[in-house]
Amino acid sequence: MRPIGKVRLFTRNKNLLVEAKEVPVPGEKVYDEKMAVVGYVYDVIGPVNSPFVLVKVDESRWKPEAFIGKVLYWKGNPRHAGKKRAGEGRGRK
């Protein structure tokens, strides 16, 4: 399990806003500290140097507000997470 980061708030659109230390790709499953599935990565927003991950919570099983201040995790491979596409970061003119 790899930490995504700490949950900062629950949005009006019913997503958890996570201050990301690692950036999984949208669709990845998200887990709590007991390795229970909380939901999935809905989107990644914010600046590249300090991104935020939006997590869509399975509200039939969880109260999203209970995760505020807690760290969420994923099982991904860091080599594939946030990988740049060909041609990005080359300073093209």
PDB file of N, CA and C in Angstrom:
ATOM      1  N   MET A   1       0.847  -1.183   0.000  1.00  0.00           N
ATOM      2  CA  MET A   1       0.000   0.000   0.000  1.00  0.00           C
ATOM      3  C   MET A   1       0.895   1.250   0.000  1.00  0.00           C
ATOM      4  N   ARG A   2       0.504   2.194  -0.810  1.00  0.00           N
ATOM      5  CA  ARG A   2       1.257   3.450  -0.909  1.00  0.00           C
ATOM      6  C   ARG A   2       0.337   4.595  -0.499  1.00  0.00           C
ATOM      7  N   PRO A   3       0.826   5.515   0.322  1.00  0.00           N
ATOM      8  CA  PRO A   3      -0.031   6.637   0.733  1.00  0.00           C
ATOM      9  C   PRO A   3      -0.259   7.612  -0.420  1.00  0.00           C
ATOM     10  N   ILE A   4      -1.510   8.028  -0.573  1.00  0.00           N
ATOM     11  CA  ILE A   4      -1.820   9.098  -1.530  1.00  0.00           C
ATOM     12  C   ILE A   4      -1.573  10.425  -0.830  1.00  0.00           C
ATOM     13  N   GLY A   5      -2.139  10.565   0.362  1.00  0.00           N
ATOM     14  CA  GLY A   5      -1.992  11.790   1.128  1.00  0.00           C
ATOM     15  C   GLY A   5      -3.118  11.929   2.132  1.00  0.00           C
ATOM     16  N   LYS A   6      -3.171  13.101   2.765  1.00  0.00           N
ATOM     17  CA  LYS A   6      -4.147  13.365   3.822  1.00  0.00           C
ATOM     18  C   LYS A   6      -5.390  14.043   3.260  1.00  0.00           C
ATOM     19  N   VAL A   7      -6.557  13.595   3.723  1.00  0.00           N
ATOM     20  CA  VAL A   7      -7.827  14.182   3.308  1.00  0.00           C
ATOM     21  C   VAL A   7      -7.982  15.549   3.968  1.00  0.00           C
ATOM     22  N   ARG A   8      -8.253  16.565   3.148  1.00  0.00           N
ATOM     23  CA  ARG A   8      -8.402  17.933   3.658  1.00  0.00           C
ATOM     24  C   ARG A   8      -9.862  18.319   3.867  1.00  0.00           C
ATOM     25  N   LEU A   9     -10.749  17.930   2.942  1.00  0.00           N
ATOM     26  CA  LEU A   9     -12.157  18.308   3.082  1.00  0.00           C
ATOM     27  C   LEU A   9     -13.052  17.448   2.214  1.00  0.00           C
ATOM     28  N   PHE A  10     -14.362  17.579   2.459  1.00  0.00           N
ATOM     29  CA  PHE A  10     -15.398  16.906   1.683  1.00  0.00           C
ATOM     30  C   PHE A  10     -16.083  17.983   0.866  1.00  0.00           C
ATOM     31  N   THR A  11     -16.068  17.849  -0.466  1.00  0.00           N
ATOM     32  CA  THR A  11     -16.573  18.907  -1.340  1.00  0.00           C
ATOM     33  C   THR A  11     -18.091  18.857  -1.506  1.00  0.00           C
ATOM     34  N   ARG A  12     -18.639  19.935  -2.063  1.00  0.00           N
ATOM     35  CA  ARG A  12     -20.078  19.985  -2.356  1.00  0.00           C
ATOM     36  C   ARG A  12     -20.483  18.951  -3.396  1.00  0.00           C
ATOM     37  N   ASN A  13     -19.520  18.547  -4.223  1.00  0.00           N
ATOM     38  CA  ASN A  13     -19.780  17.537  -5.248  1.00  0.00           C
ATOM     39  C   ASN A  13     -19.599  16.115  -4.713  1.00  0.00           C
ATOM     40  N   LYS A  14     -19.502  16.006  -3.406  1.00  0.00           N
ATOM     41  CA  LYS A  14     -19.404  14.723  -2.707  1.00  0.00           C
ATOM     42  C   LYS A  14     -18.136  13.947  -3.026  1.00  0.00           C
ATOM     43  N   ASN A  15     -17.012  14.669  -3.089  1.00  0.00           N
ATOM     44  CA  ASN A  15     -15.697  14.055  -3.261  1.00  0.00           C
ATOM     45  C   ASN A  15     -14.827  14.429  -2.061  1.00  0.00           C
ATOM     46  N   LEU A  16     -13.877  13.554  -1.747  1.00  0.00           N
ATOM     47  CA  LEU A  16     -12.864  13.901  -0.759  1.00  0.00           C
ATOM     48  C   LEU A  16     -11.725  14.586  -1.488  1.00  0.00           C
ATOM     49  N   LEU A  17     -11.229  15.681  -0.933  1.00  0.00           N
ATOM     50  CA  LEU A  17     -10.095  16.393  -1.497  1.00  0.00           C
ATOM     51  C   LEU A  17      -8.861  15.962  -0.716  1.00  0.00           C
ATOM     52  N   VAL A  18      -7.924  15.312  -1.398  1.00  0.00           N
ATOM     53  CA  VAL A  18      -6.733  14.763  -0.757  1.00  0.00           C
ATOM     54  C   VAL A  18      -5.507  15.534  -1.218  1.00  0.00           C
ATOM     55  N   GLU A  19      -4.726  16.041  -0.257  1.00  0.00           N
ATOM     56  CA  GLU A  19      -3.466  16.708  -0.572  1.00  0.00           C
ATOM     57  C   GLU A  19      -2.461  15.620  -0.922  1.00  0.00           C
ATOM     58  N   ALA A  20      -2.117  15.500  -2.198  1.00  0.00           N
ATOM     59  CA  ALA A  20      -1.392  14.339  -2.710  1.00  0.00           C
ATOM     60  C   ALA A  20       0.114  14.406  -2.498  1.00  0.00           C
ATOM     61  N   LYS A  21       0.655  13.287  -2.011  1.00  0.00           N
ATOM     62  CA  LYS A  21       2.102  13.072  -1.989  1.00  0.00           C
ATOM     63  C   LYS A  21       2.480  12.222  -3.191  1.00  0.00           C
ATOM     64  N   GLU A  22       1.565  11.340  -3.599  1.00  0.00           N
ATOM     65  CA  GLU A  22       1.691  10.551  -4.815  1.00  0.00           C
ATOM     66  C   GLU A  22       0.399  10.727  -5.597  1.00  0.00           C
ATOM     67  N   VAL A  23       0.502  10.623  -6.915  1.00  0.00           N
ATOM     68  CA  VAL A  23      -0.663  10.879  -7.755  1.00  0.00           C
ATOM     69  C   VAL A  23      -1.024   9.638  -8.562  1.00  0.00           C
ATOM     70  N   PRO A  24      -2.018   8.892  -8.101  1.00  0.00           N
ATOM     71  CA  PRO A  24      -2.491   7.759  -8.900  1.00  0.00           C
ATOM     72  C   PRO A  24      -3.340   8.253 -10.060  1.00  0.00           C
ATOM     73  N   VAL A  25      -3.524   7.404 -11.042  1.00  0.00           N
ATOM     74  CA  VAL A  25      -4.338   7.778 -12.196  1.00  0.00           C
ATOM     75  C   VAL A  25      -5.822   7.651 -11.851  1.00  0.00           C
ATOM     76  N   PRO A  26      -6.679   8.433 -12.505  1.00  0.00           N
ATOM     77  CA  PRO A  26      -8.120   8.299 -12.265  1.00  0.00           C
ATOM     78  C   PRO A  26      -8.591   6.864 -12.512  1.00  0.00           C
ATOM     79  N   GLY A  27      -9.488   6.420 -11.638  1.00  0.00           N
ATOM     80  CA  GLY A  27     -10.009   5.070 -11.727  1.00  0.00           C
ATOM     81  C   GLY A  27      -9.380   4.103 -10.732  1.00  0.00           C
ATOM     82  N   GLU A  28      -8.209   4.459 -10.180  1.00  0.00           N
ATOM     83  CA  GLU A  28      -7.545   3.589  -9.200  1.00  0.00           C
ATOM     84  C   GLU A  28      -8.388   3.487  -7.936  1.00  0.00           C
ATOM     85  N   LYS A  29      -8.434   2.307  -7.343  1.00  0.00           N
ATOM     86  CA  LYS A  29      -9.142   2.125  -6.079  1.00  0.00           C
ATOM     87  C   LYS A  29      -8.371   2.796  -4.954  1.00  0.00           C
ATOM     88  N   VAL A  30      -9.118   3.311  -3.981  1.00  0.00           N
ATOM     89  CA  VAL A  30      -8.540   4.007  -2.828  1.00  0.00           C
ATOM     90  C   VAL A  30      -8.937   3.255  -1.561  1.00  0.00           C
ATOM     91  N   TYR A  31      -7.986   3.131  -0.623  1.00  0.00           N
ATOM     92  CA  TYR A  31      -8.169   2.336   0.583  1.00  0.00           C
ATOM     93  C   TYR A  31      -7.925   3.167   1.835  1.00  0.00           C
ATOM     94  N   ASP A  32      -8.493   2.705   2.965  1.00  0.00           N
ATOM     95  CA  ASP A  32      -8.195   3.317   4.253  1.00  0.00           C
ATOM     96  C   ASP A  32      -7.051   2.555   4.918  1.00  0.00           C
ATOM     97  N   GLU A  33      -6.727   2.904   6.166  1.00  0.00           N
ATOM     98  CA  GLU A  33      -5.599   2.279   6.865  1.00  0.00           C
ATOM     99  C   GLU A  33      -5.826   0.796   7.162  1.00  0.00           C
ATOM    100  N   LYS A  34      -7.071   0.335   7.094  1.00  0.00           N
ATOM    101  CA  LYS A  34      -7.385  -1.080   7.330  1.00  0.00           C
ATOM    102  C   LYS A  34      -7.495  -1.864   6.022  1.00  0.00           C
ATOM    103  N   MET A  35      -7.094  -1.241   4.927  1.00  0.00           N
ATOM    104  CA  MET A  35      -7.122  -1.815   3.581  1.00  0.00           C
ATOM    105  C   MET A  35      -8.527  -2.120   3.093  1.00  0.00           C
ATOM    106  N   ALA A  36      -9.509  -1.371   3.565  1.00  0.00           N
ATOM    107  CA  ALA A  36     -10.879  -1.478   3.071  1.00  0.00           C
ATOM    108  C   ALA A  36     -11.043  -0.467   1.933  1.00  0.00           C
ATOM    109  N   VAL A  37     -11.724  -0.864   0.869  1.00  0.00           N
ATOM    110  CA  VAL A  37     -11.932   0.029  -0.269  1.00  0.00           C
ATOM    111  C   VAL A  37     -12.879   1.155   0.143  1.00  0.00           C
ATOM    112  N   VAL A  38     -12.403   2.384  -0.027  1.00  0.00           N
ATOM    113  CA  VAL A  38     -13.175   3.580   0.321  1.00  0.00           C
ATOM    114  C   VAL A  38     -13.915   4.097  -0.911  1.00  0.00           C
ATOM    115  N   GLY A  39     -13.261   4.025  -2.063  1.00  0.00           N
ATOM    116  CA  GLY A  39     -13.817   4.540  -3.304  1.00  0.00           C
ATOM    117  C   GLY A  39     -12.775   4.465  -4.395  1.00  0.00           C
ATOM    118  N   TYR A  40     -12.790   5.461  -5.300  1.00  0.00           N
ATOM    119  CA  TYR A  40     -11.826   5.469  -6.393  1.00  0.00           C
ATOM    120  C   TYR A  40     -11.390   6.897  -6.703  1.00  0.00           C
ATOM    121  N   VAL A  41     -10.247   7.014  -7.381  1.00  0.00           N
ATOM    122  CA  VAL A  41      -9.736   8.324  -7.793  1.00  0.00           C
ATOM    123  C   VAL A  41     -10.639   8.845  -8.907  1.00  0.00           C
ATOM    124  N   TYR A  42     -11.259   9.985  -8.656  1.00  0.00           N
ATOM    125  CA  TYR A  42     -12.169  10.597  -9.609  1.00  0.00           C
ATOM    126  C   TYR A  42     -11.427  11.540 -10.559  1.00  0.00           C
ATOM    127  N   ASP A  43     -10.485  12.326  -9.993  1.00  0.00           N
ATOM    128  CA  ASP A  43      -9.768  13.307 -10.802  1.00  0.00           C
ATOM    129  C   ASP A  43      -8.540  13.784 -10.044  1.00  0.00           C
ATOM    130  N   VAL A  44      -7.638  14.426 -10.769  1.00  0.00           N
ATOM    131  CA  VAL A  44      -6.461  15.070 -10.186  1.00  0.00           C
ATOM    132  C   VAL A  44      -6.514  16.525 -10.601  1.00  0.00           C
ATOM    133  N   ILE A  45      -6.399  17.436  -9.617  1.00  0.00           N
ATOM    134  CA  ILE A  45      -6.515  18.868  -9.899  1.00  0.00           C
ATOM    135  C   ILE A  45      -5.373  19.634  -9.235  1.00  0.00           C
ATOM    136  N   GLY A  46      -5.254  20.896  -9.603  1.00  0.00           N
ATOM    137  CA  GLY A  46      -4.274  21.769  -8.978  1.00  0.00           C
ATOM    138  C   GLY A  46      -2.965  21.811  -9.738  1.00  0.00           C
ATOM    139  N   PRO A  47      -2.001  22.550  -9.193  1.00  0.00           N
ATOM    140  CA  PRO A  47      -0.707  22.686  -9.857  1.00  0.00           C
ATOM    141  C   PRO A  47       0.098  21.385  -9.800  1.00  0.00           C
ATOM    142  N   VAL A  48       0.973  21.228 -10.771  1.00  0.00           N
ATOM    143  CA  VAL A  48       1.777  20.006 -10.872  1.00  0.00           C
ATOM    144  C   VAL A  48       2.648  19.793  -9.632  1.00  0.00           C
ATOM    145  N   ASN A  49       3.177  20.876  -9.072  1.00  0.00           N
ATOM    146  CA  ASN A  49       4.088  20.733  -7.925  1.00  0.00           C
ATOM    147  C   ASN A  49       3.366  20.526  -6.598  1.00  0.00           C
ATOM    148  N   SER A  50       2.057  20.700  -6.534  1.00  0.00           N
ATOM    149  CA  SER A  50       1.291  20.408  -5.312  1.00  0.00           C
ATOM    150  C   SER A  50      -0.145  20.011  -5.684  1.00  0.00           C
ATOM    151  N   PRO A  51      -0.290  18.818  -6.283  1.00  0.00           N
ATOM    152  CA  PRO A  51      -1.603  18.389  -6.769  1.00  0.00           C
ATOM    153  C   PRO A  51      -2.547  17.933  -5.664  1.00  0.00           C
ATOM    154  N   PHE A  52      -3.811  17.884  -6.014  1.00  0.00           N
ATOM    155  CA  PHE A  52      -4.848  17.339  -5.145  1.00  0.00           C
ATOM    156  C   PHE A  52      -5.551  16.222  -5.904  1.00  0.00           C
ATOM    157  N   VAL A  53      -5.952  15.200  -5.169  1.00  0.00           N
ATOM    158  CA  VAL A  53      -6.674  14.078  -5.749  1.00  0.00           C
ATOM    159  C   VAL A  53      -8.107  14.122  -5.234  1.00  0.00           C
ATOM    160  N   LEU A  54      -9.064  14.030  -6.154  1.00  0.00           N
ATOM    161  CA  LEU A  54     -10.471  13.941  -5.768  1.00  0.00           C
ATOM    162  C   LEU A  54     -10.852  12.468  -5.714  1.00  0.00           C
ATOM    163  N   VAL A  55     -11.387  12.048  -4.581  1.00  0.00           N
ATOM    164  CA  VAL A  55     -11.776  10.655  -4.386  1.00  0.00           C
ATOM    165  C   VAL A  55     -13.295  10.579  -4.263  1.00  0.00           C
ATOM    166  N   LYS A  56     -13.903   9.748  -5.113  1.00  0.00           N
ATOM    167  CA  LYS A  56     -15.341   9.494  -5.047  1.00  0.00           C
ATOM    168  C   LYS A  56     -15.537   8.352  -4.058  1.00  0.00           C
ATOM    169  N   VAL A  57     -16.264   8.642  -2.970  1.00  0.00           N
ATOM    170  CA  VAL A  57     -16.456   7.682  -1.882  1.00  0.00           C
ATOM    171  C   VAL A  57     -17.714   6.853  -2.121  1.00  0.00           C
ATOM    172  N   ASP A  58     -17.646   5.584  -1.755  1.00  0.00           N
ATOM    173  CA  ASP A  58     -18.821   4.712  -1.790  1.00  0.00           C
ATOM    174  C   ASP A  58     -19.674   5.077  -0.577  1.00  0.00           C
ATOM    175  N   GLU A  59     -20.644   5.985  -0.781  1.00  0.00           N
ATOM    176  CA  GLU A  59     -21.452   6.496   0.330  1.00  0.00           C
ATOM    177  C   GLU A  59     -22.443   5.475   0.880  1.00  0.00           C
ATOM    178  N   SER A  60     -22.629   4.371   0.181  1.00  0.00           N
ATOM    179  CA  SER A  60     -23.500   3.330   0.722  1.00  0.00           C
ATOM    180  C   SER A  60     -22.814   2.582   1.862  1.00  0.00           C
ATOM    181  N   ARG A  61     -21.475   2.694   1.930  1.00  0.00           N
ATOM    182  CA  ARG A  61     -20.703   2.010   2.977  1.00  0.00           C
ATOM    183  C   ARG A  61     -20.050   2.954   3.977  1.00  0.00           C
ATOM    184  N   TRP A  62     -19.801   4.202   3.573  1.00  0.00           N
ATOM    185  CA  TRP A  62     -18.994   5.115   4.388  1.00  0.00           C
ATOM    186  C   TRP A  62     -19.649   6.478   4.529  1.00  0.00           C
ATOM    187  N   LYS A  63     -19.330   7.148   5.632  1.00  0.00           N
ATOM    188  CA  LYS A  63     -19.655   8.567   5.806  1.00  0.00           C
ATOM    189  C   LYS A  63     -18.385   9.328   5.438  1.00  0.00           C
ATOM    190  N   PRO A  64     -18.397  10.021   4.308  1.00  0.00           N
ATOM    191  CA  PRO A  64     -17.176  10.671   3.821  1.00  0.00           C
ATOM    192  C   PRO A  64     -16.528  11.625   4.824  1.00  0.00           C
ATOM    193  N   GLU A  65     -17.334  12.322   5.611  1.00  0.00           N
ATOM    194  CA  GLU A  65     -16.790  13.283   6.571  1.00  0.00           C
ATOM    195  C   GLU A  65     -15.864  12.609   7.587  1.00  0.00           C
ATOM    196  N   ALA A  66     -16.036  11.323   7.812  1.00  0.00           N
ATOM    197  CA  ALA A  66     -15.212  10.591   8.787  1.00  0.00           C
ATOM    198  C   ALA A  66     -13.758  10.468   8.336  1.00  0.00           C
ATOM    199  N   PHE A  67     -13.479  10.692   7.059  1.00  0.00           N
ATOM    200  CA  PHE A  67     -12.115  10.546   6.545  1.00  0.00           C
ATOM    201  C   PHE A  67     -11.302  11.837   6.607  1.00  0.00           C
ATOM    202  N   ILE A  68     -11.914  12.945   6.953  1.00  0.00           N
ATOM    203  CA  ILE A  68     -11.192  14.219   7.009  1.00  0.00           C
ATOM    204  C   ILE A  68     -10.067  14.115   8.035  1.00  0.00           C
ATOM    205  N   GLY A  69      -8.855  14.457   7.595  1.00  0.00           N
ATOM    206  CA  GLY A  69      -7.672  14.390   8.453  1.00  0.00           C
ATOM    207  C   GLY A  69      -6.956  13.046   8.417  1.00  0.00           C
ATOM    208  N   LYS A  70      -7.524  12.055   7.740  1.00  0.00           N
ATOM    209  CA  LYS A  70      -6.907  10.729   7.670  1.00  0.00           C
ATOM    210  C   LYS A  70      -6.147  10.562   6.356  1.00  0.00           C
ATOM    211  N   VAL A  71      -5.207   9.627   6.364  1.00  0.00           N
ATOM    212  CA  VAL A  71      -4.428   9.323   5.165  1.00  0.00           C
ATOM    213  C   VAL A  71      -5.123   8.208   4.396  1.00  0.00           C
ATOM    214  N   LEU A  72      -5.195   8.383   3.065  1.00  0.00           N
ATOM    215  CA  LEU A  72      -5.751   7.354   2.192  1.00  0.00           C
ATOM    216  C   LEU A  72      -4.627   6.739   1.363  1.00  0.00           C
ATOM    217  N   TYR A  73      -4.862   5.516   0.896  1.00  0.00           N
ATOM    218  CA  TYR A  73      -3.821   4.728   0.240  1.00  0.00           C
ATOM    219  C   TYR A  73      -4.298   4.170  -1.092  1.00  0.00           C
ATOM    220  N   TRP A  74      -3.332   3.672  -1.876  1.00  0.00           N
ATOM    221  CA  TRP A  74      -3.622   2.983  -3.124  1.00  0.00           C
ATOM    222  C   TRP A  74      -2.613   1.866  -3.294  1.00  0.00           C
ATOM    223  N   LYS A  75      -2.880   0.940  -4.200  1.00  0.00           N
ATOM    224  CA  LYS A  75      -1.996  -0.208  -4.406  1.00  0.00           C
ATOM    225  C   LYS A  75      -1.167  -0.085  -5.670  1.00  0.00           C
ATOM    226  N   GLY A  76      -1.142   1.071  -6.261  1.00  0.00           N
ATOM    227  CA  GLY A  76      -0.539   1.241  -7.578  1.00  0.00           C
ATOM    228  C   GLY A  76       0.956   1.135  -7.640  1.00  0.00           C
ATOM    229  N   ASN A  77       1.416   1.129  -8.866  1.00  0.00           N
ATOM    230  CA  ASN A  77       2.822   1.087  -9.194  1.00  0.00           C
ATOM    231  C   ASN A  77       3.271   2.526  -9.461  1.00  0.00           C
ATOM    232  N   PRO A  78       4.218   3.055  -8.685  1.00  0.00           N
ATOM    233  CA  PRO A  78       4.609   4.453  -8.854  1.00  0.00           C
ATOM    234  C   PRO A  78       5.198   4.776 -10.221  1.00  0.00           C
ATOM    235  N   ARG A  79       5.693   3.793 -10.937  1.00  0.00           N
ATOM    236  CA  ARG A  79       6.237   4.065 -12.272  1.00  0.00           C
ATOM    237  C   ARG A  79       5.149   4.455 -13.252  1.00  0.00           C
ATOM    238  N   HIS A  80       3.920   4.023 -13.001  1.00  0.00           N
ATOM    239  CA  HIS A  80       2.823   4.323 -13.914  1.00  0.00           C
ATOM    240  C   HIS A  80       2.008   5.521 -13.461  1.00  0.00           C
ATOM    241  N   ALA A  81       2.161   5.936 -12.233  1.00  0.00           N
ATOM    242  CA  ALA A  81       1.359   7.036 -11.698  1.00  0.00           C
ATOM    243  C   ALA A  81       1.911   8.373 -12.156  1.00  0.00           C
ATOM    244  N   GLY A  82       1.027   9.221 -12.614  1.00  0.00           N
ATOM    245  CA  GLY A  82       1.416  10.570 -12.991  1.00  0.00           C
ATOM    246  C   GLY A  82       2.481  10.602 -14.068  1.00  0.00           C
ATOM    247  N   LYS A  83       2.565   9.554 -14.884  1.00  0.00           N
ATOM    248  CA  LYS A  83       3.586   9.445 -15.904  1.00  0.00           C
ATOM    249  C   LYS A  83       3.352  10.487 -16.991  1.00  0.00           C
ATOM    250  N   LYS A  84       4.417  11.147 -17.395  1.00  0.00           N
ATOM    251  CA  LYS A  84       4.290  12.147 -18.453  1.00  0.00           C
ATOM    252  C   LYS A  84       4.076  11.473 -19.799  1.00  0.00           C
ATOM    253  N   ARG A  85       3.311  12.146 -20.640  1.00  0.00           N
ATOM    254  CA  ARG A  85       3.104  11.655 -22.000  1.00  0.00           C
ATOM    255  C   ARG A  85       4.279  12.092 -22.855  1.00  0.00           C
ATOM    256  N   ALA A  86       4.471  11.402 -23.942  1.00  0.00           N
ATOM    257  CA  ALA A  86       5.567  11.732 -24.864  1.00  0.00           C
ATOM    258  C   ALA A  86       5.467  13.185 -25.292  1.00  0.00           C
ATOM    259  N   GLY A  87       6.564  13.901 -25.206  1.00  0.00           N
ATOM    260  CA  GLY A  87       6.597  15.280 -25.644  1.00  0.00           C
ATOM    261  C   GLY A  87       6.352  16.306 -24.557  1.00  0.00           C
ATOM    262  N   GLU A  88       5.868  15.904 -23.395  1.00  0.00           N
ATOM    263  CA  GLU A  88       5.623  16.857 -22.318  1.00  0.00           C
ATOM    264  C   GLU A  88       6.942  17.170 -21.608  1.00  0.00           C
ATOM    265  N   GLY A  89       7.087  18.394 -21.193  1.00  0.00           N
ATOM    266  CA  GLY A  89       8.238  18.796 -20.395  1.00  0.00           C
ATOM    267  C   GLY A  89       9.503  19.028 -21.191  1.00  0.00           C
ATOM    268  N   ARG A  90       9.382  19.190 -22.499  1.00  0.00           N
ATOM    269  CA  ARG A  90      10.567  19.403 -23.319  1.00  0.00           C
ATOM    270  C   ARG A  90      10.789  20.851 -23.692  1.00  0.00           C
ATOM    271  N   GLY A  91       9.917  21.724 -23.242  1.00  0.00           N
ATOM    272  CA  GLY A  91      10.086  23.148 -23.526  1.00  0.00           C
ATOM    273  C   GLY A  91       9.944  23.474 -25.008  1.00  0.00           C
ATOM    274  N   ARG A  92       8.944  22.924 -25.652  1.00  0.00           N
ATOM    275  CA  ARG A  92       8.730  23.183 -27.092  1.00  0.00           C
ATOM    276  C   ARG A  92       8.395  24.652 -27.329  1.00  0.00           C
ATOM    277  N   LYS A  93       8.729  25.089 -28.506  1.00  0.00           N
ATOM    278  CA  LYS A  93       8.440  26.479 -28.893  1.00  0.00           C
ATOM    279  C   LYS A  93       7.399  26.520 -29.955  1.00  0.00           C
TER     280      LYS A  93
END
